[in-house]
């Protein structure tokens, strides 16, 4: 099992192999076509990588400079992703595949939504 091998788990993340990581975690492959979003003057592509029990994992393309967008843009992309899948996890990567930002929104009945981010790399 993947959790029994932390090095393998880390290698999938470090090699940006999210489809393989989530497949080995028991998630289903997502068959949806990529979605193009226009946020300000930037165009982003959300690609569904995996899904499990109503939660979809999306990978987002870098901005035009090849980087991870700034937080206000991340939040706007998150709002658009919510239209595609209410419960979701977003992974933003840079073009050089040296940095990742994982973003998800914790939703609980009666409480305001709480955005969580985790940054990896450079």
PDB file of N, CA and C in Angstrom:
ATOM      1  N   UNK A   1       0.844  -1.180   0.000  1.00  0.00           N
ATOM      2  CA  UNK A   1       0.000   0.000   0.000  1.00  0.00           C
ATOM      3  C   UNK A   1       0.890   1.245   0.000  1.00  0.00           C
ATOM      4  N   UNK A   2       0.417   2.287  -0.627  1.00  0.00           N
ATOM      5  CA  UNK A   2       1.199   3.509  -0.793  1.00  0.00           C
ATOM      6  C   UNK A   2       1.579   4.143   0.544  1.00  0.00           C
ATOM      7  N   UNK A   3       0.674   4.128   1.516  1.00  0.00           N
ATOM      8  CA  UNK A   3       0.981   4.733   2.812  1.00  0.00           C
ATOM      9  C   UNK A   3       2.063   3.965   3.562  1.00  0.00           C
ATOM     10  N   UNK A   4       2.300   2.722   3.189  1.00  0.00           N
ATOM     11  CA  UNK A   4       3.361   1.936   3.810  1.00  0.00           C
ATOM     12  C   UNK A   4       4.735   2.279   3.247  1.00  0.00           C
ATOM     13  N   UNK A   5       4.761   3.081   2.199  1.00  0.00           N
ATOM     14  CA  UNK A   5       6.015   3.429   1.540  1.00  0.00           C
ATOM     15  C   UNK A   5       6.092   4.956   1.370  1.00  0.00           C
ATOM     16  N   UNK A   6       6.480   5.678   2.432  1.00  0.00           N
ATOM     17  CA  UNK A   6       6.500   7.141   2.365  1.00  0.00           C
ATOM     18  C   UNK A   6       7.377   7.702   1.255  1.00  0.00           C
ATOM     19  N   UNK A   7       8.478   7.024   0.935  1.00  0.00           N
ATOM     20  CA  UNK A   7       9.351   7.511  -0.143  1.00  0.00           C
ATOM     21  C   UNK A   7       8.615   7.482  -1.483  1.00  0.00           C
ATOM     22  N   UNK A   8       7.875   6.427  -1.720  1.00  0.00           N
ATOM     23  CA  UNK A   8       7.115   6.326  -2.969  1.00  0.00           C
ATOM     24  C   UNK A   8       6.047   7.411  -3.030  1.00  0.00           C
ATOM     25  N   UNK A   9       5.375   7.609  -1.922  1.00  0.00           N
ATOM     26  CA  UNK A   9       4.359   8.656  -1.811  1.00  0.00           C
ATOM     27  C   UNK A   9       4.989  10.008  -2.155  1.00  0.00           C
ATOM     28  N   UNK A  10       6.102  10.328  -1.528  1.00  0.00           N
ATOM     29  CA  UNK A  10       6.803  11.587  -1.770  1.00  0.00           C
ATOM     30  C   UNK A  10       7.307  11.700  -3.206  1.00  0.00           C
ATOM     31  N   UNK A  11       7.739  10.574  -3.788  1.00  0.00           N
ATOM     32  CA  UNK A  11       8.242  10.643  -5.166  1.00  0.00           C
ATOM     33  C   UNK A  11       7.129  11.005  -6.141  1.00  0.00           C
ATOM     34  N   UNK A  12       5.931  10.484  -5.930  1.00  0.00           N
ATOM     35  CA  UNK A  12       4.811  10.846  -6.808  1.00  0.00           C
ATOM     36  C   UNK A  12       4.522  12.343  -6.727  1.00  0.00           C
ATOM     37  N   UNK A  13       4.559  12.894  -5.525  1.00  0.00           N
ATOM     38  CA  UNK A  13       4.325  14.330  -5.362  1.00  0.00           C
ATOM     39  C   UNK A  13       5.471  15.116  -5.992  1.00  0.00           C
ATOM     40  N   UNK A  14       6.702  14.733  -5.691  1.00  0.00           N
ATOM     41  CA  UNK A  14       7.869  15.443  -6.213  1.00  0.00           C
ATOM     42  C   UNK A  14       8.006  15.375  -7.723  1.00  0.00           C
ATOM     43  N   UNK A  15       7.506  14.300  -8.321  1.00  0.00           N
ATOM     44  CA  UNK A  15       7.549  14.135  -9.776  1.00  0.00           C
ATOM     45  C   UNK A  15       6.282  14.646 -10.455  1.00  0.00           C
ATOM     46  N   UNK A  16       5.384  15.266  -9.695  1.00  0.00           N
ATOM     47  CA  UNK A  16       4.148  15.845 -10.216  1.00  0.00           C
ATOM     48  C   UNK A  16       3.268  14.779 -10.884  1.00  0.00           C
ATOM     49  N   UNK A  17       3.294  13.573 -10.361  1.00  0.00           N
ATOM     50  CA  UNK A  17       2.513  12.442 -10.908  1.00  0.00           C
ATOM     51  C   UNK A  17       1.243  12.267 -10.077  1.00  0.00           C
ATOM     52  N   UNK A  18       0.394  13.276 -10.118  1.00  0.00           N
ATOM     53  CA  UNK A  18      -0.794  13.294  -9.283  1.00  0.00           C
ATOM     54  C   UNK A  18      -1.804  12.218  -9.676  1.00  0.00           C
ATOM     55  N   UNK A  19      -1.911  11.940 -10.976  1.00  0.00           N
ATOM     56  CA  UNK A  19      -2.833  10.889 -11.411  1.00  0.00           C
ATOM     57  C   UNK A  19      -2.441   9.554 -10.795  1.00  0.00           C
ATOM     58  N   UNK A  20      -1.168   9.236 -10.822  1.00  0.00           N
ATOM     59  CA  UNK A  20      -0.687   7.969 -10.264  1.00  0.00           C
ATOM     60  C   UNK A  20      -0.849   7.940  -8.748  1.00  0.00           C
ATOM     61  N   UNK A  21      -0.528   9.048  -8.094  1.00  0.00           N
ATOM     62  CA  UNK A  21      -0.656   9.151  -6.644  1.00  0.00           C
ATOM     63  C   UNK A  21      -2.086   8.861  -6.208  1.00  0.00           C
ATOM     64  N   UNK A  22      -3.031   9.575  -6.799  1.00  0.00           N
ATOM     65  CA  UNK A  22      -4.415   9.417  -6.368  1.00  0.00           C
ATOM     66  C   UNK A  22      -5.003   8.089  -6.817  1.00  0.00           C
ATOM     67  N   UNK A  23      -4.568   7.570  -7.955  1.00  0.00           N
ATOM     68  CA  UNK A  23      -5.017   6.246  -8.376  1.00  0.00           C
ATOM     69  C   UNK A  23      -4.592   5.192  -7.357  1.00  0.00           C
ATOM     70  N   UNK A  24      -3.356   5.287  -6.898  1.00  0.00           N
ATOM     71  CA  UNK A  24      -2.876   4.323  -5.910  1.00  0.00           C
ATOM     72  C   UNK A  24      -3.521   4.529  -4.538  1.00  0.00           C
ATOM     73  N   UNK A  25      -4.057   5.712  -4.302  1.00  0.00           N
ATOM     74  CA  UNK A  25      -4.786   5.964  -3.062  1.00  0.00           C
ATOM     75  C   UNK A  25      -6.239   5.489  -3.148  1.00  0.00           C
ATOM     76  N   UNK A  26      -6.611   4.948  -4.309  1.00  0.00           N
ATOM     77  CA  UNK A  26      -7.952   4.407  -4.469  1.00  0.00           C
ATOM     78  C   UNK A  26      -8.951   5.330  -5.128  1.00  0.00           C
ATOM     79  N   UNK A  27      -8.486   6.461  -5.635  1.00  0.00           N
ATOM     80  CA  UNK A  27      -9.387   7.369  -6.332  1.00  0.00           C
ATOM     81  C   UNK A  27      -9.597   6.851  -7.748  1.00  0.00           C
ATOM     82  N   UNK A  28     -10.730   7.241  -8.346  1.00  0.00           N
ATOM     83  CA  UNK A  28     -11.045   6.875  -9.720  1.00  0.00           C
ATOM     84  C   UNK A  28     -10.450   7.895 -10.679  1.00  0.00           C
ATOM     85  N   UNK A  29     -10.143   7.426 -11.865  1.00  0.00           N
ATOM     86  CA  UNK A  29      -9.655   8.340 -12.900  1.00  0.00           C
ATOM     87  C   UNK A  29     -10.811   9.239 -13.344  1.00  0.00           C
ATOM     88  N   UNK A  30     -10.499  10.479 -13.593  1.00  0.00           N
ATOM     89  CA  UNK A  30     -11.507  11.428 -14.064  1.00  0.00           C
ATOM     90  C   UNK A  30     -11.489  11.440 -15.573  1.00  0.00           C
ATOM     91  N   UNK A  31     -12.636  11.333 -16.180  1.00  0.00           N
ATOM     92  CA  UNK A  31     -12.704  11.287 -17.631  1.00  0.00           C
ATOM     93  C   UNK A  31     -13.182  12.576 -18.261  1.00  0.00           C
ATOM     94  N   UNK A  32     -13.346  13.604 -17.458  1.00  0.00           N
ATOM     95  CA  UNK A  32     -13.866  14.867 -17.985  1.00  0.00           C
ATOM     96  C   UNK A  32     -12.829  15.585 -18.833  1.00  0.00           C
ATOM     97  N   UNK A  33     -13.324  16.344 -19.801  1.00  0.00           N
ATOM     98  CA  UNK A  33     -12.442  17.160 -20.631  1.00  0.00           C
ATOM     99  C   UNK A  33     -11.948  18.367 -19.832  1.00  0.00           C
ATOM    100  N   UNK A  34     -10.775  18.872 -20.171  1.00  0.00           N
ATOM    101  CA  UNK A  34     -10.269  20.077 -19.487  1.00  0.00           C
ATOM    102  C   UNK A  34     -11.213  21.262 -19.690  1.00  0.00           C
ATOM    103  N   UNK A  35     -11.229  22.162 -18.716  1.00  0.00           N
ATOM    104  CA  UNK A  35     -12.053  23.358 -18.764  1.00  0.00           C
ATOM    105  C   UNK A  35     -11.146  24.576 -18.816  1.00  0.00           C
ATOM    106  N   UNK A  36     -11.445  25.490 -19.725  1.00  0.00           N
ATOM    107  CA  UNK A  36     -10.676  26.718 -19.859  1.00  0.00           C
ATOM    108  C   UNK A  36     -11.401  27.833 -19.127  1.00  0.00           C
ATOM    109  N   UNK A  37     -10.653  28.586 -18.329  1.00  0.00           N
ATOM    110  CA  UNK A  37     -11.202  29.698 -17.559  1.00  0.00           C
ATOM    111  C   UNK A  37     -10.487  30.983 -17.935  1.00  0.00           C
ATOM    112  N   UNK A  38     -11.221  32.060 -18.019  1.00  0.00           N
ATOM    113  CA  UNK A  38     -10.641  33.375 -18.242  1.00  0.00           C
ATOM    114  C   UNK A  38     -10.756  34.140 -16.937  1.00  0.00           C
ATOM    115  N   UNK A  39      -9.631  34.462 -16.330  1.00  0.00           N
ATOM    116  CA  UNK A  39      -9.592  35.227 -15.086  1.00  0.00           C
ATOM    117  C   UNK A  39      -8.786  36.485 -15.379  1.00  0.00           C
ATOM    118  N   UNK A  40      -9.476  37.603 -15.472  1.00  0.00           N
ATOM    119  CA  UNK A  40      -8.810  38.842 -15.883  1.00  0.00           C
ATOM    120  C   UNK A  40      -8.255  38.660 -17.282  1.00  0.00           C
ATOM    121  N   UNK A  41      -6.985  38.960 -17.464  1.00  0.00           N
ATOM    122  CA  UNK A  41      -6.364  38.825 -18.790  1.00  0.00           C
ATOM    123  C   UNK A  41      -5.693  37.467 -18.969  1.00  0.00           C
ATOM    124  N   UNK A  42      -5.789  36.604 -17.973  1.00  0.00           N
ATOM    125  CA  UNK A  42      -5.126  35.290 -17.997  1.00  0.00           C
ATOM    126  C   UNK A  42      -6.113  34.186 -18.359  1.00  0.00           C
ATOM    127  N   UNK A  43      -5.601  33.176 -19.031  1.00  0.00           N
ATOM    128  CA  UNK A  43      -6.378  31.982 -19.340  1.00  0.00           C
ATOM    129  C   UNK A  43      -5.754  30.809 -18.610  1.00  0.00           C
ATOM    130  N   UNK A  44      -6.587  30.051 -17.924  1.00  0.00           N
ATOM    131  CA  UNK A  44      -6.135  28.885 -17.176  1.00  0.00           C
ATOM    132  C   UNK A  44      -6.919  27.660 -17.632  1.00  0.00           C
ATOM    133  N   UNK A  45      -6.304  26.509 -17.508  1.00  0.00           N
ATOM    134  CA  UNK A  45      -6.970  25.256 -17.829  1.00  0.00           C
ATOM    135  C   UNK A  45      -7.033  24.397 -16.577  1.00  0.00           C
ATOM    136  N   UNK A  46      -8.237  23.969 -16.237  1.00  0.00           N
ATOM    137  CA  UNK A  46      -8.438  23.028 -15.141  1.00  0.00           C
ATOM    138  C   UNK A  46      -8.619  21.643 -15.740  1.00  0.00           C
ATOM    139  N   UNK A  47      -7.797  20.713 -15.311  1.00  0.00           N
ATOM    140  CA  UNK A  47      -7.880  19.337 -15.782  1.00  0.00           C
ATOM    141  C   UNK A  47      -8.233  18.446 -14.603  1.00  0.00           C
ATOM    142  N   UNK A  48      -9.347  17.736 -14.720  1.00  0.00           N
ATOM    143  CA  UNK A  48      -9.743  16.802 -13.671  1.00  0.00           C
ATOM    144  C   UNK A  48      -8.795  15.605 -13.720  1.00  0.00           C
ATOM    145  N   UNK A  49      -8.142  15.325 -12.613  1.00  0.00           N
ATOM    146  CA  UNK A  49      -7.139  14.265 -12.538  1.00  0.00           C
ATOM    147  C   UNK A  49      -7.738  12.994 -11.940  1.00  0.00           C
ATOM    148  N   UNK A  50      -8.558  13.174 -10.898  1.00  0.00           N
ATOM    149  CA  UNK A  50      -9.123  12.022 -10.195  1.00  0.00           C
ATOM    150  C   UNK A  50     -10.398  12.460  -9.489  1.00  0.00           C
ATOM    151  N   UNK A  51     -11.193  11.468  -9.093  1.00  0.00           N
ATOM    152  CA  UNK A  51     -12.406  11.771  -8.344  1.00  0.00           C
ATOM    153  C   UNK A  51     -12.718  10.629  -7.389  1.00  0.00           C
ATOM    154  N   UNK A  52     -13.357  10.996  -6.305  1.00  0.00           N
ATOM    155  CA  UNK A  52     -13.722   9.987  -5.304  1.00  0.00           C
ATOM    156  C   UNK A  52     -14.889  10.525  -4.495  1.00  0.00           C
ATOM    157  N   UNK A  53     -15.993   9.798  -4.527  1.00  0.00           N
ATOM    158  CA  UNK A  53     -17.165  10.111  -3.703  1.00  0.00           C
ATOM    159  C   UNK A  53     -17.578  11.576  -3.771  1.00  0.00           C
ATOM    160  N   UNK A  54     -17.663  12.097  -4.977  1.00  0.00           N
ATOM    161  CA  UNK A  54     -18.130  13.460  -5.165  1.00  0.00           C
ATOM    162  C   UNK A  54     -17.073  14.537  -5.026  1.00  0.00           C
ATOM    163  N   UNK A  55     -15.827  14.159  -4.770  1.00  0.00           N
ATOM    164  CA  UNK A  55     -14.728  15.124  -4.680  1.00  0.00           C
ATOM    165  C   UNK A  55     -13.872  14.967  -5.933  1.00  0.00           C
ATOM    166  N   UNK A  56     -13.582  16.068  -6.585  1.00  0.00           N
ATOM    167  CA  UNK A  56     -12.768  16.049  -7.797  1.00  0.00           C
ATOM    168  C   UNK A  56     -11.448  16.755  -7.537  1.00  0.00           C
ATOM    169  N   UNK A  57     -10.375  16.139  -8.003  1.00  0.00           N
ATOM    170  CA  UNK A  57      -9.050  16.746  -7.953  1.00  0.00           C
ATOM    171  C   UNK A  57      -8.784  17.390  -9.303  1.00  0.00           C
ATOM    172  N   UNK A  58      -8.520  18.699  -9.299  1.00  0.00           N
ATOM    173  CA  UNK A  58      -8.188  19.436 -10.514  1.00  0.00           C
ATOM    174  C   UNK A  58      -6.736  19.897 -10.449  1.00  0.00           C
ATOM    175  N   UNK A  59      -6.062  19.802 -11.585  1.00  0.00           N
ATOM    176  CA  UNK A  59      -4.745  20.417 -11.739  1.00  0.00           C
ATOM    177  C   UNK A  59      -4.943  21.644 -12.604  1.00  0.00           C
ATOM    178  N   UNK A  60      -4.356  22.764 -12.170  1.00  0.00           N
ATOM    179  CA  UNK A  60      -4.502  24.024 -12.895  1.00  0.00           C
ATOM    180  C   UNK A  60      -3.203  24.384 -13.595  1.00  0.00           C
ATOM    181  N   UNK A  61      -3.330  24.849 -14.812  1.00  0.00           N
ATOM    182  CA  UNK A  61      -2.160  25.261 -15.584  1.00  0.00           C
ATOM    183  C   UNK A  61      -1.524  26.506 -14.967  1.00  0.00           C
ATOM    184  N   UNK A  62      -0.238  26.731 -15.245  1.00  0.00           N
ATOM    185  CA  UNK A  62       0.444  27.941 -14.742  1.00  0.00           C
ATOM    186  C   UNK A  62      -0.100  29.204 -15.410  1.00  0.00           C
ATOM    187  N   UNK A  63       0.265  30.345 -14.860  1.00  0.00           N
ATOM    188  CA  UNK A  63      -0.108  31.607 -15.500  1.00  0.00           C
ATOM    189  C   UNK A  63       0.782  31.829 -16.729  1.00  0.00           C
ATOM    190  N   UNK A  64       0.583  32.923 -17.438  1.00  0.00           N
ATOM    191  CA  UNK A  64       1.323  33.148 -18.680  1.00  0.00           C
ATOM    192  C   UNK A  64       2.826  33.311 -18.456  1.00  0.00           C
ATOM    193  N   UNK A  65       3.229  33.679 -17.251  1.00  0.00           N
ATOM    194  CA  UNK A  65       4.660  33.796 -16.936  1.00  0.00           C
ATOM    195  C   UNK A  65       5.245  32.454 -16.499  1.00  0.00           C
ATOM    196  N   UNK A  66       4.405  31.422 -16.450  1.00  0.00           N
ATOM    197  CA  UNK A  66       4.872  30.094 -16.062  1.00  0.00           C
ATOM    198  C   UNK A  66       4.859  29.848 -14.563  1.00  0.00           C
ATOM    199  N   UNK A  67       4.254  30.763 -13.823  1.00  0.00           N
ATOM    200  CA  UNK A  67       4.239  30.631 -12.368  1.00  0.00           C
ATOM    201  C   UNK A  67       2.884  30.228 -11.821  1.00  0.00           C
ATOM    202  N   UNK A  68       2.848  30.107 -10.509  1.00  0.00           N
ATOM    203  CA  UNK A  68       1.597  29.864  -9.802  1.00  0.00           C
ATOM    204  C   UNK A  68       0.954  31.222  -9.568  1.00  0.00           C
ATOM    205  N   UNK A  69      -0.325  31.356  -9.890  1.00  0.00           N
ATOM    206  CA  UNK A  69      -0.973  32.667  -9.738  1.00  0.00           C
ATOM    207  C   UNK A  69      -0.952  33.161  -8.288  1.00  0.00           C
ATOM    208  N   UNK A  70      -1.100  34.456  -8.134  1.00  0.00           N
ATOM    209  CA  UNK A  70      -1.195  35.059  -6.809  1.00  0.00           C
ATOM    210  C   UNK A  70      -2.516  34.669  -6.153  1.00  0.00           C
ATOM    211  N   UNK A  71      -2.557  34.768  -4.828  1.00  0.00           N
ATOM    212  CA  UNK A  71      -3.708  34.301  -4.056  1.00  0.00           C
ATOM    213  C   UNK A  71      -5.065  34.833  -4.547  1.00  0.00           C
ATOM    214  N   UNK A  72      -5.204  36.129  -4.871  1.00  0.00           N
ATOM    215  CA  UNK A  72      -6.524  36.575  -5.352  1.00  0.00           C
ATOM    216  C   UNK A  72      -6.980  35.803  -6.598  1.00  0.00           C
ATOM    217  N   UNK A  73      -6.054  35.487  -7.483  1.00  0.00           N
ATOM    218  CA  UNK A  73      -6.395  34.713  -8.685  1.00  0.00           C
ATOM    219  C   UNK A  73      -6.694  33.270  -8.313  1.00  0.00           C
ATOM    220  N   UNK A  74      -5.931  32.704  -7.383  1.00  0.00           N
ATOM    221  CA  UNK A  74      -6.221  31.335  -6.921  1.00  0.00           C
ATOM    222  C   UNK A  74      -7.656  31.242  -6.418  1.00  0.00           C
ATOM    223  N   UNK A  75      -8.076  32.241  -5.661  1.00  0.00           N
ATOM    224  CA  UNK A  75      -9.422  32.216  -5.095  1.00  0.00           C
ATOM    225  C   UNK A  75     -10.496  32.371  -6.164  1.00  0.00           C
ATOM    226  N   UNK A  76     -10.219  33.145  -7.177  1.00  0.00           N
ATOM    227  CA  UNK A  76     -11.183  33.274  -8.286  1.00  0.00           C
ATOM    228  C   UNK A  76     -11.270  31.965  -9.068  1.00  0.00           C
ATOM    229  N   UNK A  77     -10.133  31.302  -9.262  1.00  0.00           N
ATOM    230  CA  UNK A  77     -10.138  29.997  -9.941  1.00  0.00           C
ATOM    231  C   UNK A  77     -10.908  29.001  -9.093  1.00  0.00           C
ATOM    232  N   UNK A  78     -10.734  29.053  -7.775  1.00  0.00           N
ATOM    233  CA  UNK A  78     -11.466  28.156  -6.880  1.00  0.00           C
ATOM    234  C   UNK A  78     -12.966  28.354  -7.024  1.00  0.00           C
ATOM    235  N   UNK A  79     -13.417  29.582  -7.129  1.00  0.00           N
ATOM    236  CA  UNK A  79     -14.844  29.855  -7.301  1.00  0.00           C
ATOM    237  C   UNK A  79     -15.370  29.240  -8.599  1.00  0.00           C
ATOM    238  N   UNK A  80     -14.572  29.315  -9.653  1.00  0.00           N
ATOM    239  CA  UNK A  80     -14.975  28.719 -10.923  1.00  0.00           C
ATOM    240  C   UNK A  80     -14.960  27.193 -10.843  1.00  0.00           C
ATOM    241  N   UNK A  81     -13.990  26.635 -10.139  1.00  0.00           N
ATOM    242  CA  UNK A  81     -13.926  25.177  -9.978  1.00  0.00           C
ATOM    243  C   UNK A  81     -15.145  24.669  -9.217  1.00  0.00           C
ATOM    244  N   UNK A  82     -15.654  25.460  -8.277  1.00  0.00           N
ATOM    245  CA  UNK A  82     -16.835  25.061  -7.501  1.00  0.00           C
ATOM    246  C   UNK A  82     -18.061  24.897  -8.393  1.00  0.00           C
ATOM    247  N   UNK A  83     -18.087  25.580  -9.520  1.00  0.00           N
ATOM    248  CA  UNK A  83     -19.194  25.422 -10.474  1.00  0.00           C
ATOM    249  C   UNK A  83     -19.103  24.083 -11.192  1.00  0.00           C
ATOM    250  N   UNK A  84     -17.895  23.543 -11.297  1.00  0.00           N
ATOM    251  CA  UNK A  84     -17.680  22.259 -11.968  1.00  0.00           C
ATOM    252  C   UNK A  84     -17.857  21.088 -11.009  1.00  0.00           C
ATOM    253  N   UNK A  85     -17.397  21.259  -9.776  1.00  0.00           N
ATOM    254  CA  UNK A  85     -17.494  20.220  -8.748  1.00  0.00           C
ATOM    255  C   UNK A  85     -17.536  20.927  -7.396  1.00  0.00           C
ATOM    256  N   UNK A  86     -18.660  20.827  -6.723  1.00  0.00           N
ATOM    257  CA  UNK A  86     -18.828  21.543  -5.450  1.00  0.00           C
ATOM    258  C   UNK A  86     -17.691  21.222  -4.484  1.00  0.00           C
ATOM    259  N   UNK A  87     -17.384  19.950  -4.314  1.00  0.00           N
ATOM    260  CA  UNK A  87     -16.270  19.545  -3.453  1.00  0.00           C
ATOM    261  C   UNK A  87     -15.087  19.217  -4.350  1.00  0.00           C
ATOM    262  N   UNK A  88     -13.957  19.860  -4.099  1.00  0.00           N
ATOM    263  CA  UNK A  88     -12.804  19.686  -4.978  1.00  0.00           C
ATOM    264  C   UNK A  88     -11.514  20.058  -4.262  1.00  0.00           C
ATOM    265  N   UNK A  89     -10.439  19.639  -4.852  1.00  0.00           N
ATOM    266  CA  UNK A  89      -9.083  19.979  -4.428  1.00  0.00           C
ATOM    267  C   UNK A  89      -8.384  20.499  -5.669  1.00  0.00           C
ATOM    268  N   UNK A  90      -7.693  21.613  -5.539  1.00  0.00           N
ATOM    269  CA  UNK A  90      -6.962  22.207  -6.663  1.00  0.00           C
ATOM    270  C   UNK A  90      -5.468  22.086  -6.419  1.00  0.00           C
ATOM    271  N   UNK A  91      -4.740  21.695  -7.460  1.00  0.00           N
ATOM    272  CA  UNK A  91      -3.278  21.694  -7.401  1.00  0.00           C
ATOM    273  C   UNK A  91      -2.785  22.631  -8.500  1.00  0.00           C
ATOM    274  N   UNK A  92      -2.085  23.672  -8.071  1.00  0.00           N
ATOM    275  CA  UNK A  92      -1.480  24.636  -8.985  1.00  0.00           C
ATOM    276  C   UNK A  92       0.000  24.300  -9.082  1.00  0.00           C
ATOM    277  N   UNK A  93       0.526  24.306 -10.293  1.00  0.00           N
ATOM    278  CA  UNK A  93       1.943  24.008 -10.489  1.00  0.00           C
ATOM    279  C   UNK A  93       2.565  25.067 -11.388  1.00  0.00           C
ATOM    280  N   UNK A  94       3.864  25.246 -11.238  1.00  0.00           N
ATOM    281  CA  UNK A  94       4.560  26.154 -12.149  1.00  0.00           C
ATOM    282  C   UNK A  94       5.007  25.367 -13.380  1.00  0.00           C
ATOM    283  N   UNK A  95       5.353  26.082 -14.434  1.00  0.00           N
ATOM    284  CA  UNK A  95       5.729  25.437 -15.694  1.00  0.00           C
ATOM    285  C   UNK A  95       6.999  24.604 -15.561  1.00  0.00           C
ATOM    286  N   UNK A  96       7.914  25.022 -14.699  1.00  0.00           N
ATOM    287  CA  UNK A  96       9.177  24.300 -14.522  1.00  0.00           C
ATOM    288  C   UNK A  96       9.019  23.058 -13.643  1.00  0.00           C
ATOM    289  N   UNK A  97       7.850  22.885 -13.089  1.00  0.00           N
ATOM    290  CA  UNK A  97       7.544  21.776 -12.173  1.00  0.00           C
ATOM    291  C   UNK A  97       8.536  21.731 -11.007  1.00  0.00           C
ATOM    292  N   UNK A  98       8.661  22.894 -10.365  1.00  0.00           N
ATOM    293  CA  UNK A  98       9.487  22.990  -9.169  1.00  0.00           C
ATOM    294  C   UNK A  98       8.664  23.401  -7.949  1.00  0.00           C
ATOM    295  N   UNK A  99       7.464  23.930  -8.185  1.00  0.00           N
ATOM    296  CA  UNK A  99       6.610  24.408  -7.089  1.00  0.00           C
ATOM    297  C   UNK A  99       5.181  23.920  -7.279  1.00  0.00           C
ATOM    298  N   UNK A 100       4.518  23.727  -6.141  1.00  0.00           N
ATOM    299  CA  UNK A 100       3.111  23.318  -6.125  1.00  0.00           C
ATOM    300  C   UNK A 100       2.397  24.112  -5.034  1.00  0.00           C
ATOM    301  N   UNK A 101       1.161  24.443  -5.284  1.00  0.00           N
ATOM    302  CA  UNK A 101       0.272  24.974  -4.255  1.00  0.00           C
ATOM    303  C   UNK A 101      -0.998  24.148  -4.309  1.00  0.00           C
ATOM    304  N   UNK A 102      -1.337  23.538  -3.183  1.00  0.00           N
ATOM    305  CA  UNK A 102      -2.563  22.754  -3.051  1.00  0.00           C
ATOM    306  C   UNK A 102      -3.579  23.631  -2.331  1.00  0.00           C
ATOM    307  N   UNK A 103      -4.783  23.721  -2.860  1.00  0.00           N
ATOM    308  CA  UNK A 103      -5.815  24.563  -2.278  1.00  0.00           C
ATOM    309  C   UNK A 103      -7.102  23.772  -2.161  1.00  0.00           C
ATOM    310  N   UNK A 104      -7.725  23.860  -1.007  1.00  0.00           N
ATOM    311  CA  UNK A 104      -9.041  23.270  -0.834  1.00  0.00           C
ATOM    312  C   UNK A 104      -9.832  24.150   0.111  1.00  0.00           C
ATOM    313  N   UNK A 105     -11.143  23.984   0.070  1.00  0.00           N
ATOM    314  CA  UNK A 105     -12.036  24.754   0.922  1.00  0.00           C
ATOM    315  C   UNK A 105     -12.748  23.779   1.845  1.00  0.00           C
ATOM    316  N   UNK A 106     -12.594  24.008   3.142  1.00  0.00           N
ATOM    317  CA  UNK A 106     -13.279  23.192   4.138  1.00  0.00           C
ATOM    318  C   UNK A 106     -14.675  23.785   4.324  1.00  0.00           C
ATOM    319  N   UNK A 107     -15.679  22.960   4.082  1.00  0.00           N
ATOM    320  CA  UNK A 107     -17.066  23.398   4.218  1.00  0.00           C
ATOM    321  C   UNK A 107     -17.740  22.573   5.313  1.00  0.00           C
ATOM    322  N   UNK A 108     -18.384  23.260   6.240  1.00  0.00           N
ATOM    323  CA  UNK A 108     -19.125  22.582   7.301  1.00  0.00           C
ATOM    324  C   UNK A 108     -20.452  23.313   7.475  1.00  0.00           C
ATOM    325  N   UNK A 109     -21.530  22.565   7.659  1.00  0.00           N
ATOM    326  CA  UNK A 109     -22.842  23.199   7.823  1.00  0.00           C
ATOM    327  C   UNK A 109     -22.837  24.236   8.951  1.00  0.00           C
ATOM    328  N   UNK A 110     -23.384  25.399   8.645  1.00  0.00           N
ATOM    329  CA  UNK A 110     -23.497  26.446   9.648  1.00  0.00           C
ATOM    330  C   UNK A 110     -22.234  27.251   9.907  1.00  0.00           C
ATOM    331  N   UNK A 111     -21.153  26.911   9.213  1.00  0.00           N
ATOM    332  CA  UNK A 111     -19.901  27.630   9.402  1.00  0.00           C
ATOM    333  C   UNK A 111     -19.447  28.247   8.083  1.00  0.00           C
ATOM    334  N   UNK A 112     -18.724  29.367   8.145  1.00  0.00           N
ATOM    335  CA  UNK A 112     -18.210  29.927   6.896  1.00  0.00           C
ATOM    336  C   UNK A 112     -17.156  29.005   6.287  1.00  0.00           C
ATOM    337  N   UNK A 113     -17.073  29.031   4.975  1.00  0.00           N
ATOM    338  CA  UNK A 113     -16.066  28.222   4.282  1.00  0.00           C
ATOM    339  C   UNK A 113     -14.673  28.721   4.665  1.00  0.00           C
ATOM    340  N   UNK A 114     -13.742  27.778   4.853  1.00  0.00           N
ATOM    341  CA  UNK A 114     -12.377  28.122   5.228  1.00  0.00           C
ATOM    342  C   UNK A 114     -11.431  27.606   4.152  1.00  0.00           C
ATOM    343  N   UNK A 115     -10.698  28.521   3.530  1.00  0.00           N
ATOM    344  CA  UNK A 115      -9.756  28.158   2.477  1.00  0.00           C
ATOM    345  C   UNK A 115      -8.423  27.745   3.096  1.00  0.00           C
ATOM    346  N   UNK A 116      -7.910  26.629   2.630  1.00  0.00           N
ATOM    347  CA  UNK A 116      -6.631  26.099   3.117  1.00  0.00           C
ATOM    348  C   UNK A 116      -5.676  25.976   1.926  1.00  0.00           C
ATOM    349  N   UNK A 117      -4.428  26.372   2.121  1.00  0.00           N
ATOM    350  CA  UNK A 117      -3.421  26.202   1.082  1.00  0.00           C
ATOM    351  C   UNK A 117      -2.175  25.570   1.699  1.00  0.00           C
ATOM    352  N   UNK A 118      -1.479  24.830   0.864  1.00  0.00           N
ATOM    353  CA  UNK A 118      -0.217  24.214   1.272  1.00  0.00           C
ATOM    354  C   UNK A 118       0.749  24.379   0.101  1.00  0.00           C
ATOM    355  N   UNK A 119       1.930  24.923   0.370  1.00  0.00           N
ATOM    356  CA  UNK A 119       2.916  25.194  -0.669  1.00  0.00           C
ATOM    357  C   UNK A 119       4.070  24.206  -0.567  1.00  0.00           C
ATOM    358  N   UNK A 120       4.504  23.694  -1.717  1.00  0.00           N
ATOM    359  CA  UNK A 120       5.631  22.767  -1.791  1.00  0.00           C
ATOM    360  C   UNK A 120       6.640  23.291  -2.803  1.00  0.00           C
ATOM    361  N   UNK A 121       7.896  23.127  -2.513  1.00  0.00           N
ATOM    362  CA  UNK A 121       8.955  23.516  -3.453  1.00  0.00           C
ATOM    363  C   UNK A 121       9.373  24.961  -3.270  1.00  0.00           C
ATOM    364  N   UNK A 122      10.352  25.333  -4.129  1.00  0.00           N
ATOM    365  CA  UNK A 122      10.972  26.648  -4.174  1.00  0.00           C
ATOM    366  C   UNK A 122      10.303  27.683  -3.419  1.00  0.00           C
TER     367      UNK A 122
END
